[in-house]
Amino acid sequence: MSALDDIVGIFKKAAAGEVMRLAAQQAEKELIDLRADNQRLTDQLNEWGEQYRKIISDGGCPDEVHCACVPALREEIKRLQAEQERKC
């Protein structure tokens, strides 16, 4: 092997190491993002559960006899409408 081949080999190893380092950084970022998404969704699910338990413990929904989820859905509609208005 020539000196040039040695240098090329060194650069290939360095490049491979850099690619692995960048891939690890990207994986770490994605993991952090997924954990944040998981926490947000878990919090939302817990909130829905708490709303449902409150409605049921209060004897149901006073203005809806068919579904205990109506108040939670109304709150979600209000939240989404407010979010949409902020975007406009």
N, C-alpha and C. Protein backbone atom coordinates (compact mmCIF):
# COMPACT_ATOMS: atom_id res chain seq x y z
N MET A 1 0.84 -1.19 0.00
CA MET A 1 0.00 0.00 0.00
C MET A 1 0.88 1.24 0.00
N SER A 2 0.42 2.23 -0.66
CA SER A 2 1.16 3.48 -0.73
C SER A 2 0.73 4.41 0.40
N ALA A 3 1.45 5.48 0.55
CA ALA A 3 1.12 6.48 1.55
C ALA A 3 -0.26 7.07 1.26
N LEU A 4 -0.56 7.23 -0.03
CA LEU A 4 -1.87 7.77 -0.41
C LEU A 4 -2.99 6.83 0.03
N ASP A 5 -2.77 5.53 -0.14
CA ASP A 5 -3.77 4.55 0.30
C ASP A 5 -3.96 4.62 1.82
N ASP A 6 -2.85 4.82 2.53
CA ASP A 6 -2.93 4.94 3.99
C ASP A 6 -3.76 6.16 4.39
N ILE A 7 -3.51 7.28 3.71
CA ILE A 7 -4.23 8.52 4.00
C ILE A 7 -5.72 8.35 3.69
N VAL A 8 -6.01 7.74 2.55
CA VAL A 8 -7.41 7.50 2.17
C VAL A 8 -8.08 6.62 3.22
N GLY A 9 -7.39 5.60 3.67
CA GLY A 9 -7.94 4.72 4.70
C GLY A 9 -8.23 5.47 5.99
N ILE A 10 -7.32 6.36 6.37
CA ILE A 10 -7.52 7.17 7.59
C ILE A 10 -8.75 8.06 7.44
N PHE A 11 -8.88 8.71 6.28
CA PHE A 11 -10.04 9.57 6.05
C PHE A 11 -11.34 8.78 6.04
N LYS A 12 -11.31 7.58 5.47
CA LYS A 12 -12.52 6.75 5.46
C LYS A 12 -12.94 6.38 6.87
N LYS A 13 -11.98 6.02 7.70
CA LYS A 13 -12.29 5.68 9.09
C LYS A 13 -12.82 6.89 9.84
N ALA A 14 -12.19 8.04 9.61
CA ALA A 14 -12.65 9.27 10.27
C ALA A 14 -14.06 9.63 9.81
N ALA A 15 -14.32 9.51 8.52
CA ALA A 15 -15.65 9.81 7.98
C ALA A 15 -16.69 8.87 8.56
N ALA A 16 -16.35 7.59 8.64
CA ALA A 16 -17.28 6.61 9.20
C ALA A 16 -17.57 6.94 10.66
N GLY A 17 -16.56 7.34 11.40
CA GLY A 17 -16.75 7.72 12.80
C GLY A 17 -17.64 8.95 12.93
N GLU A 18 -17.44 9.92 12.03
CA GLU A 18 -18.26 11.13 12.05
C GLU A 18 -19.72 10.79 11.71
N VAL A 19 -19.91 9.92 10.74
CA VAL A 19 -21.27 9.51 10.37
C VAL A 19 -21.94 8.84 11.57
N MET A 20 -21.22 7.99 12.26
CA MET A 20 -21.80 7.31 13.43
C MET A 20 -22.13 8.32 14.53
N ARG A 21 -21.25 9.30 14.74
CA ARG A 21 -21.49 10.32 15.76
C ARG A 21 -22.73 11.13 15.41
N LEU A 22 -22.85 11.53 14.15
CA LEU A 22 -24.02 12.30 13.72
C LEU A 22 -25.30 11.48 13.82
N ALA A 23 -25.22 10.20 13.48
CA ALA A 23 -26.39 9.33 13.59
C ALA A 23 -26.81 9.18 15.05
N ALA A 24 -25.84 9.07 15.93
CA ALA A 24 -26.15 8.96 17.36
C ALA A 24 -26.79 10.24 17.87
N GLN A 25 -26.29 11.40 17.42
CA GLN A 25 -26.89 12.67 17.82
C GLN A 25 -28.33 12.77 17.33
N GLN A 26 -28.56 12.37 16.09
CA GLN A 26 -29.92 12.42 15.53
C GLN A 26 -30.85 11.47 16.29
N ALA A 27 -30.35 10.29 16.60
CA ALA A 27 -31.16 9.32 17.35
C ALA A 27 -31.50 9.87 18.73
N GLU A 28 -30.54 10.52 19.37
CA GLU A 28 -30.77 11.11 20.70
C GLU A 28 -31.83 12.21 20.62
N LYS A 29 -31.76 13.05 19.60
CA LYS A 29 -32.74 14.12 19.41
C LYS A 29 -34.13 13.53 19.19
N GLU A 30 -34.21 12.51 18.34
CA GLU A 30 -35.50 11.88 18.06
C GLU A 30 -36.07 11.23 19.32
N LEU A 31 -35.20 10.63 20.13
CA LEU A 31 -35.64 10.01 21.38
C LEU A 31 -36.21 11.07 22.32
N ILE A 32 -35.54 12.20 22.43
CA ILE A 32 -36.03 13.29 23.28
C ILE A 32 -37.39 13.77 22.78
N ASP A 33 -37.52 13.95 21.46
CA ASP A 33 -38.80 14.38 20.89
C ASP A 33 -39.90 13.36 21.14
N LEU A 34 -39.59 12.08 21.00
CA LEU A 34 -40.59 11.04 21.23
C LEU A 34 -41.01 10.99 22.70
N ARG A 35 -40.06 11.18 23.59
CA ARG A 35 -40.40 11.20 25.02
C ARG A 35 -41.31 12.38 25.34
N ALA A 36 -41.04 13.53 24.73
CA ALA A 36 -41.89 14.71 24.94
C ALA A 36 -43.30 14.45 24.39
N ASP A 37 -43.38 13.86 23.21
CA ASP A 37 -44.69 13.52 22.62
C ASP A 37 -45.43 12.53 23.52
N ASN A 38 -44.71 11.54 24.00
CA ASN A 38 -45.30 10.54 24.87
C ASN A 38 -45.85 11.19 26.14
N GLN A 39 -45.10 12.10 26.73
CA GLN A 39 -45.54 12.77 27.95
C GLN A 39 -46.78 13.63 27.67
N ARG A 40 -46.77 14.35 26.55
CA ARG A 40 -47.91 15.20 26.19
C ARG A 40 -49.16 14.35 26.00
N LEU A 41 -49.03 13.22 25.31
CA LEU A 41 -50.18 12.36 25.07
C LEU A 41 -50.66 11.67 26.35
N THR A 42 -49.72 11.29 27.20
CA THR A 42 -50.07 10.69 28.48
C THR A 42 -50.83 11.69 29.34
N ASP A 43 -50.35 12.93 29.36
CA ASP A 43 -51.04 13.98 30.12
C ASP A 43 -52.46 14.19 29.60
N GLN A 44 -52.60 14.21 28.27
CA GLN A 44 -53.93 14.40 27.67
C GLN A 44 -54.86 13.24 28.04
N LEU A 45 -54.35 12.03 27.95
CA LEU A 45 -55.15 10.86 28.31
C LEU A 45 -55.56 10.92 29.78
N ASN A 46 -54.64 11.30 30.65
CA ASN A 46 -54.96 11.41 32.08
C ASN A 46 -56.02 12.48 32.31
N GLU A 47 -55.91 13.59 31.58
CA GLU A 47 -56.91 14.66 31.71
C GLU A 47 -58.29 14.16 31.30
N TRP A 48 -58.35 13.44 30.19
CA TRP A 48 -59.64 12.90 29.75
C TRP A 48 -60.21 11.95 30.80
N GLY A 49 -59.35 11.12 31.38
CA GLY A 49 -59.81 10.20 32.42
C GLY A 49 -60.35 10.93 33.63
N GLU A 50 -59.64 11.99 34.03
CA GLU A 50 -60.10 12.79 35.16
C GLU A 50 -61.43 13.46 34.86
N GLN A 51 -61.59 14.00 33.65
CA GLN A 51 -62.85 14.62 33.26
C GLN A 51 -63.98 13.60 33.30
N TYR A 52 -63.73 12.43 32.77
CA TYR A 52 -64.75 11.38 32.75
C TYR A 52 -65.15 10.99 34.17
N ARG A 53 -64.14 10.77 35.04
CA ARG A 53 -64.45 10.38 36.42
C ARG A 53 -65.25 11.48 37.14
N LYS A 54 -64.91 12.74 36.89
CA LYS A 54 -65.63 13.85 37.51
C LYS A 54 -67.08 13.87 37.04
N ILE A 55 -67.28 13.72 35.74
CA ILE A 55 -68.64 13.74 35.20
C ILE A 55 -69.47 12.59 35.79
N ILE A 56 -68.89 11.40 35.82
CA ILE A 56 -69.61 10.24 36.34
C ILE A 56 -69.87 10.39 37.84
N SER A 57 -68.87 10.89 38.59
CA SER A 57 -69.08 11.04 40.04
C SER A 57 -70.10 12.13 40.35
N ASP A 58 -70.27 13.09 39.44
CA ASP A 58 -71.28 14.14 39.63
C ASP A 58 -72.67 13.70 39.19
N GLY A 59 -72.79 12.46 38.80
CA GLY A 59 -74.10 11.94 38.39
C GLY A 59 -74.35 12.04 36.91
N GLY A 60 -73.32 12.19 36.16
CA GLY A 60 -73.48 12.26 34.71
C GLY A 60 -73.44 13.69 34.22
N CYS A 61 -73.72 13.83 32.98
CA CYS A 61 -73.68 15.13 32.31
C CYS A 61 -75.08 15.74 32.39
N PRO A 62 -75.23 16.94 32.97
CA PRO A 62 -76.57 17.50 33.17
C PRO A 62 -77.33 17.79 31.89
N ASP A 63 -76.65 18.18 30.83
CA ASP A 63 -77.38 18.55 29.62
C ASP A 63 -77.30 17.49 28.52
N GLU A 64 -76.65 16.40 28.79
CA GLU A 64 -76.53 15.31 27.82
C GLU A 64 -76.79 13.99 28.53
N VAL A 65 -77.79 13.29 28.11
CA VAL A 65 -78.12 12.03 28.77
C VAL A 65 -77.48 10.84 28.07
N HIS A 66 -76.89 11.04 26.91
CA HIS A 66 -76.41 9.91 26.13
C HIS A 66 -74.91 9.67 26.23
N CYS A 67 -74.13 10.67 26.62
CA CYS A 67 -72.69 10.47 26.57
C CYS A 67 -71.99 11.37 27.58
N ALA A 68 -71.14 10.77 28.39
CA ALA A 68 -70.40 11.53 29.39
C ALA A 68 -69.20 12.26 28.79
N CYS A 69 -68.89 11.98 27.54
CA CYS A 69 -67.72 12.62 26.92
C CYS A 69 -68.04 13.99 26.33
N VAL A 70 -69.30 14.38 26.29
CA VAL A 70 -69.70 15.64 25.64
C VAL A 70 -68.98 16.85 26.26
N PRO A 71 -68.93 17.01 27.59
CA PRO A 71 -68.22 18.17 28.14
C PRO A 71 -66.74 18.18 27.75
N ALA A 72 -66.10 17.03 27.76
CA ALA A 72 -64.68 16.97 27.37
C ALA A 72 -64.52 17.34 25.90
N LEU A 73 -65.43 16.88 25.07
CA LEU A 73 -65.36 17.22 23.65
C LEU A 73 -65.61 18.71 23.42
N ARG A 74 -66.52 19.28 24.18
CA ARG A 74 -66.76 20.72 24.06
C ARG A 74 -65.51 21.51 24.43
N GLU A 75 -64.85 21.11 25.49
CA GLU A 75 -63.61 21.79 25.90
C GLU A 75 -62.55 21.66 24.82
N GLU A 76 -62.44 20.50 24.22
CA GLU A 76 -61.47 20.28 23.15
C GLU A 76 -61.80 21.15 21.93
N ILE A 77 -63.07 21.27 21.61
CA ILE A 77 -63.49 22.13 20.49
C ILE A 77 -63.11 23.58 20.79
N LYS A 78 -63.36 24.04 22.00
CA LYS A 78 -62.99 25.41 22.37
C LYS A 78 -61.48 25.63 22.25
N ARG A 79 -60.72 24.65 22.72
CA ARG A 79 -59.26 24.76 22.66
C ARG A 79 -58.78 24.82 21.22
N LEU A 80 -59.32 23.96 20.38
CA LEU A 80 -58.92 23.94 18.97
C LEU A 80 -59.35 25.22 18.24
N GLN A 81 -60.53 25.73 18.56
CA GLN A 81 -60.98 26.98 17.94
C GLN A 81 -60.07 28.13 18.33
N ALA A 82 -59.70 28.19 19.61
CA ALA A 82 -58.80 29.25 20.07
C ALA A 82 -57.43 29.13 19.41
N GLU A 83 -56.96 27.91 19.27
CA GLU A 83 -55.67 27.68 18.60
C GLU A 83 -55.74 28.12 17.13
N GLN A 84 -56.83 27.82 16.48
CA GLN A 84 -57.00 28.21 15.07
C GLN A 84 -57.07 29.73 14.94
N GLU A 85 -57.75 30.39 15.85
CA GLU A 85 -57.83 31.85 15.81
C GLU A 85 -56.47 32.50 16.01
N ARG A 86 -55.63 31.90 16.85
CA ARG A 86 -54.27 32.45 17.06
C ARG A 86 -53.44 32.33 15.80
N LYS A 87 -53.68 31.29 15.01
CA LYS A 87 -52.91 31.08 13.77
C LYS A 87 -53.30 32.06 12.68
N CYS A 88 -54.54 32.53 12.72
CA CYS A 88 -55.02 33.43 11.66
C CYS A 88 -54.60 34.87 11.88
